């Protein structure tokens, strides 16, 4: 029962986050908001380092996802007893 409630809460949070993201994007396109610069206040070198770190973290997550999907799609090397 609790897993159903938690699943529903996650779905609602996900929908809420999507709506907020959509509204921000719409406001940005409409010119109501200035572009968000996550590196504001950093030196160009620091901003570059943070961007590079973020890119490699995304690569790490993608590789982890690919490994998980591969392991799920291949039969186990050891037969079940």
N, C-alpha and C. Protein backbone atom coordinates (compact mmCIF):
# COMPACT_ATOMS: atom_id res chain seq x y z
N UNK A 1 0.82 -1.19 0.00
CA UNK A 1 0.00 0.00 0.00
C UNK A 1 0.87 1.26 0.00
N UNK A 2 1.90 1.29 0.86
CA UNK A 2 2.73 2.49 0.95
C UNK A 2 3.50 2.73 -0.33
N UNK A 3 3.89 1.65 -1.04
CA UNK A 3 4.62 1.84 -2.29
C UNK A 3 3.74 2.50 -3.34
N UNK A 4 2.43 2.23 -3.30
CA UNK A 4 1.51 2.87 -4.23
C UNK A 4 1.43 4.36 -3.93
N UNK A 5 1.36 4.71 -2.66
CA UNK A 5 1.29 6.12 -2.26
C UNK A 5 2.58 6.83 -2.64
N UNK A 6 3.71 6.21 -2.36
CA UNK A 6 5.00 6.82 -2.70
C UNK A 6 5.11 6.99 -4.21
N UNK A 7 4.72 5.98 -4.97
CA UNK A 7 4.76 6.07 -6.42
C UNK A 7 3.89 7.21 -6.93
N UNK A 8 2.70 7.38 -6.36
CA UNK A 8 1.81 8.45 -6.75
C UNK A 8 2.40 9.81 -6.40
N UNK A 9 3.04 9.90 -5.22
CA UNK A 9 3.67 11.16 -4.81
C UNK A 9 4.80 11.52 -5.76
N UNK A 10 5.59 10.53 -6.16
CA UNK A 10 6.70 10.79 -7.10
C UNK A 10 6.16 11.26 -8.43
N UNK A 11 5.05 10.65 -8.89
CA UNK A 11 4.46 11.06 -10.15
C UNK A 11 3.98 12.50 -10.08
N UNK A 12 3.35 12.87 -8.95
CA UNK A 12 2.87 14.24 -8.79
C UNK A 12 4.04 15.21 -8.74
N UNK A 13 5.11 14.84 -8.03
CA UNK A 13 6.29 15.70 -7.98
C UNK A 13 6.87 15.85 -9.38
N UNK A 14 6.91 14.77 -10.12
CA UNK A 14 7.45 14.81 -11.46
C UNK A 14 6.61 15.72 -12.35
N UNK A 15 5.30 15.62 -12.25
CA UNK A 15 4.41 16.46 -13.05
C UNK A 15 4.60 17.92 -12.65
N UNK A 16 4.68 18.18 -11.35
CA UNK A 16 4.88 19.55 -10.87
C UNK A 16 6.19 20.14 -11.38
N UNK A 17 7.24 19.33 -11.35
CA UNK A 17 8.54 19.79 -11.83
C UNK A 17 8.49 20.07 -13.32
N UNK A 18 7.78 19.22 -14.04
CA UNK A 18 7.66 19.42 -15.49
C UNK A 18 6.88 20.70 -15.81
N UNK A 19 5.83 20.95 -15.04
CA UNK A 19 5.04 22.16 -15.26
C UNK A 19 5.87 23.41 -14.96
N UNK A 20 6.62 23.40 -13.85
CA UNK A 20 7.48 24.54 -13.52
C UNK A 20 8.52 24.76 -14.60
N UNK A 21 9.13 23.69 -15.07
CA UNK A 21 10.13 23.80 -16.12
C UNK A 21 9.53 24.36 -17.39
N UNK A 22 8.34 23.89 -17.74
CA UNK A 22 7.65 24.38 -18.93
C UNK A 22 7.35 25.87 -18.81
N UNK A 23 6.87 26.28 -17.63
CA UNK A 23 6.53 27.69 -17.42
C UNK A 23 7.78 28.57 -17.49
N UNK A 24 8.87 28.11 -16.91
CA UNK A 24 10.12 28.88 -16.98
C UNK A 24 10.58 29.00 -18.43
N UNK A 25 10.51 27.91 -19.18
CA UNK A 25 10.91 27.94 -20.58
C UNK A 25 10.04 28.88 -21.39
N UNK A 26 8.74 28.84 -21.14
CA UNK A 26 7.81 29.73 -21.84
C UNK A 26 8.11 31.18 -21.51
N UNK A 27 8.35 31.48 -20.23
CA UNK A 27 8.67 32.85 -19.82
C UNK A 27 9.99 33.30 -20.44
N UNK A 28 10.96 32.41 -20.51
CA UNK A 28 12.26 32.75 -21.10
C UNK A 28 12.10 33.08 -22.58
N UNK A 29 11.36 32.23 -23.30
CA UNK A 29 11.15 32.45 -24.73
C UNK A 29 10.38 33.75 -24.94
N UNK A 30 9.43 34.02 -24.08
CA UNK A 30 8.63 35.24 -24.19
C UNK A 30 9.37 36.50 -23.78
N UNK A 31 10.56 36.35 -23.20
CA UNK A 31 11.35 37.50 -22.81
C UNK A 31 11.06 38.01 -21.42
N UNK A 32 10.24 37.30 -20.65
CA UNK A 32 9.89 37.76 -19.30
C UNK A 32 11.03 37.50 -18.32
N UNK A 33 11.87 36.53 -18.61
CA UNK A 33 12.98 36.21 -17.72
C UNK A 33 14.31 36.35 -18.46
N UNK A 34 15.32 36.76 -17.73
CA UNK A 34 16.67 36.78 -18.29
C UNK A 34 17.20 35.35 -18.31
N UNK A 35 18.11 35.06 -19.22
CA UNK A 35 18.70 33.71 -19.22
C UNK A 35 19.40 33.44 -17.90
N UNK A 36 19.33 32.20 -17.45
CA UNK A 36 19.95 31.80 -16.20
C UNK A 36 21.38 31.35 -16.51
N UNK A 37 22.34 31.95 -15.83
CA UNK A 37 23.74 31.57 -16.00
C UNK A 37 24.21 30.88 -14.73
N UNK A 38 24.35 29.56 -14.77
CA UNK A 38 24.75 28.85 -13.55
C UNK A 38 26.19 29.16 -13.13
N UNK A 39 26.96 29.78 -14.01
CA UNK A 39 28.36 30.07 -13.71
C UNK A 39 28.59 31.55 -13.40
N UNK A 40 27.50 32.27 -13.13
CA UNK A 40 27.61 33.69 -12.84
C UNK A 40 28.50 33.91 -11.61
N UNK A 41 29.43 34.83 -11.72
CA UNK A 41 30.31 35.15 -10.61
C UNK A 41 31.60 34.36 -10.60
N UNK A 42 31.73 33.36 -11.48
CA UNK A 42 32.95 32.57 -11.54
C UNK A 42 33.89 33.13 -12.60
N UNK A 43 35.15 32.92 -12.40
CA UNK A 43 36.12 33.30 -13.42
C UNK A 43 35.91 32.39 -14.63
N UNK A 44 36.37 32.82 -15.80
CA UNK A 44 36.21 31.95 -16.98
C UNK A 44 36.84 30.57 -16.79
N UNK A 45 37.97 30.52 -16.09
CA UNK A 45 38.64 29.23 -15.86
C UNK A 45 37.81 28.35 -14.94
N UNK A 46 37.26 28.94 -13.87
CA UNK A 46 36.42 28.17 -12.95
C UNK A 46 35.13 27.71 -13.62
N UNK A 47 34.53 28.59 -14.41
CA UNK A 47 33.30 28.22 -15.13
C UNK A 47 33.58 27.07 -16.09
N UNK A 48 34.72 27.11 -16.76
CA UNK A 48 35.09 26.04 -17.69
C UNK A 48 35.30 24.73 -16.93
N UNK A 49 35.97 24.80 -15.78
CA UNK A 49 36.21 23.60 -14.98
C UNK A 49 34.89 22.99 -14.49
N UNK A 50 33.97 23.84 -14.04
CA UNK A 50 32.67 23.33 -13.58
C UNK A 50 31.87 22.71 -14.73
N UNK A 51 31.92 23.35 -15.90
CA UNK A 51 31.20 22.81 -17.06
C UNK A 51 31.79 21.46 -17.47
N UNK A 52 33.11 21.37 -17.48
CA UNK A 52 33.78 20.12 -17.84
C UNK A 52 33.43 19.02 -16.84
N UNK A 53 33.43 19.36 -15.56
CA UNK A 53 33.06 18.39 -14.51
C UNK A 53 31.62 17.91 -14.72
N UNK A 54 30.74 18.83 -15.01
CA UNK A 54 29.33 18.49 -15.24
C UNK A 54 29.19 17.56 -16.45
N UNK A 55 29.93 17.85 -17.51
CA UNK A 55 29.88 16.99 -18.70
C UNK A 55 30.34 15.57 -18.38
N UNK A 56 31.44 15.43 -17.65
CA UNK A 56 31.95 14.10 -17.32
C UNK A 56 31.02 13.36 -16.36
N UNK A 57 30.34 14.09 -15.48
CA UNK A 57 29.35 13.43 -14.61
C UNK A 57 28.20 12.87 -15.44
N UNK A 58 27.79 13.61 -16.46
CA UNK A 58 26.73 13.12 -17.35
C UNK A 58 27.20 11.88 -18.11
N UNK A 59 28.44 11.88 -18.56
CA UNK A 59 29.00 10.71 -19.25
C UNK A 59 29.02 9.51 -18.31
N UNK A 60 29.44 9.73 -17.05
CA UNK A 60 29.49 8.65 -16.06
C UNK A 60 28.09 8.06 -15.85
N UNK A 61 27.09 8.92 -15.74
CA UNK A 61 25.71 8.43 -15.55
C UNK A 61 25.25 7.64 -16.77
N UNK A 62 25.56 8.14 -17.96
CA UNK A 62 25.16 7.45 -19.19
C UNK A 62 25.81 6.07 -19.29
N UNK A 63 27.09 5.99 -18.95
CA UNK A 63 27.79 4.69 -18.99
C UNK A 63 27.18 3.74 -17.96
N UNK A 64 26.90 4.25 -16.77
CA UNK A 64 26.26 3.42 -15.74
C UNK A 64 24.92 2.89 -16.19
N UNK A 65 24.13 3.74 -16.83
CA UNK A 65 22.82 3.31 -17.35
C UNK A 65 23.00 2.26 -18.43
N UNK A 66 23.96 2.45 -19.31
CA UNK A 66 24.22 1.47 -20.38
C UNK A 66 24.64 0.13 -19.79
N UNK A 67 25.48 0.15 -18.77
CA UNK A 67 25.92 -1.09 -18.13
C UNK A 67 24.73 -1.80 -17.49
N UNK A 68 23.90 -1.04 -16.78
CA UNK A 68 22.72 -1.64 -16.14
C UNK A 68 21.79 -2.26 -17.18
N UNK A 69 21.54 -1.54 -18.27
CA UNK A 69 20.65 -2.07 -19.31
C UNK A 69 21.25 -3.31 -19.97
N UNK A 70 22.55 -3.32 -20.17
CA UNK A 70 23.21 -4.48 -20.76
C UNK A 70 23.08 -5.69 -19.84
N UNK A 71 23.33 -5.47 -18.54
CA UNK A 71 23.26 -6.58 -17.59
C UNK A 71 21.84 -7.13 -17.49
N UNK A 72 20.84 -6.27 -17.59
CA UNK A 72 19.45 -6.73 -17.53
C UNK A 72 19.06 -7.50 -18.78
N UNK A 73 19.70 -7.18 -19.91
CA UNK A 73 19.29 -7.80 -21.17
C UNK A 73 20.05 -9.10 -21.47
N UNK A 74 21.11 -9.37 -20.72
CA UNK A 74 21.88 -10.59 -21.00
C UNK A 74 21.60 -11.63 -19.93
N UNK A 75 21.56 -12.89 -20.34
CA UNK A 75 21.32 -13.94 -19.35
C UNK A 75 22.52 -14.06 -18.41
N UNK A 76 22.26 -14.53 -17.23
CA UNK A 76 23.31 -14.71 -16.24
C UNK A 76 24.32 -15.73 -16.72
N UNK A 77 25.59 -15.52 -16.40
CA UNK A 77 26.64 -16.45 -16.79
C UNK A 77 26.56 -17.75 -16.00
N UNK A 78 25.97 -17.67 -14.82
CA UNK A 78 25.83 -18.88 -13.97
C UNK A 78 24.40 -19.35 -14.01
N UNK A 79 24.21 -20.62 -14.32
CA UNK A 79 22.83 -21.14 -14.34
C UNK A 79 22.24 -21.15 -12.94
N UNK A 80 20.93 -20.89 -12.86
CA UNK A 80 20.24 -20.93 -11.57
C UNK A 80 20.02 -22.37 -11.16
N UNK A 81 20.14 -22.61 -9.87
CA UNK A 81 19.95 -23.98 -9.36
C UNK A 81 18.57 -24.14 -8.80
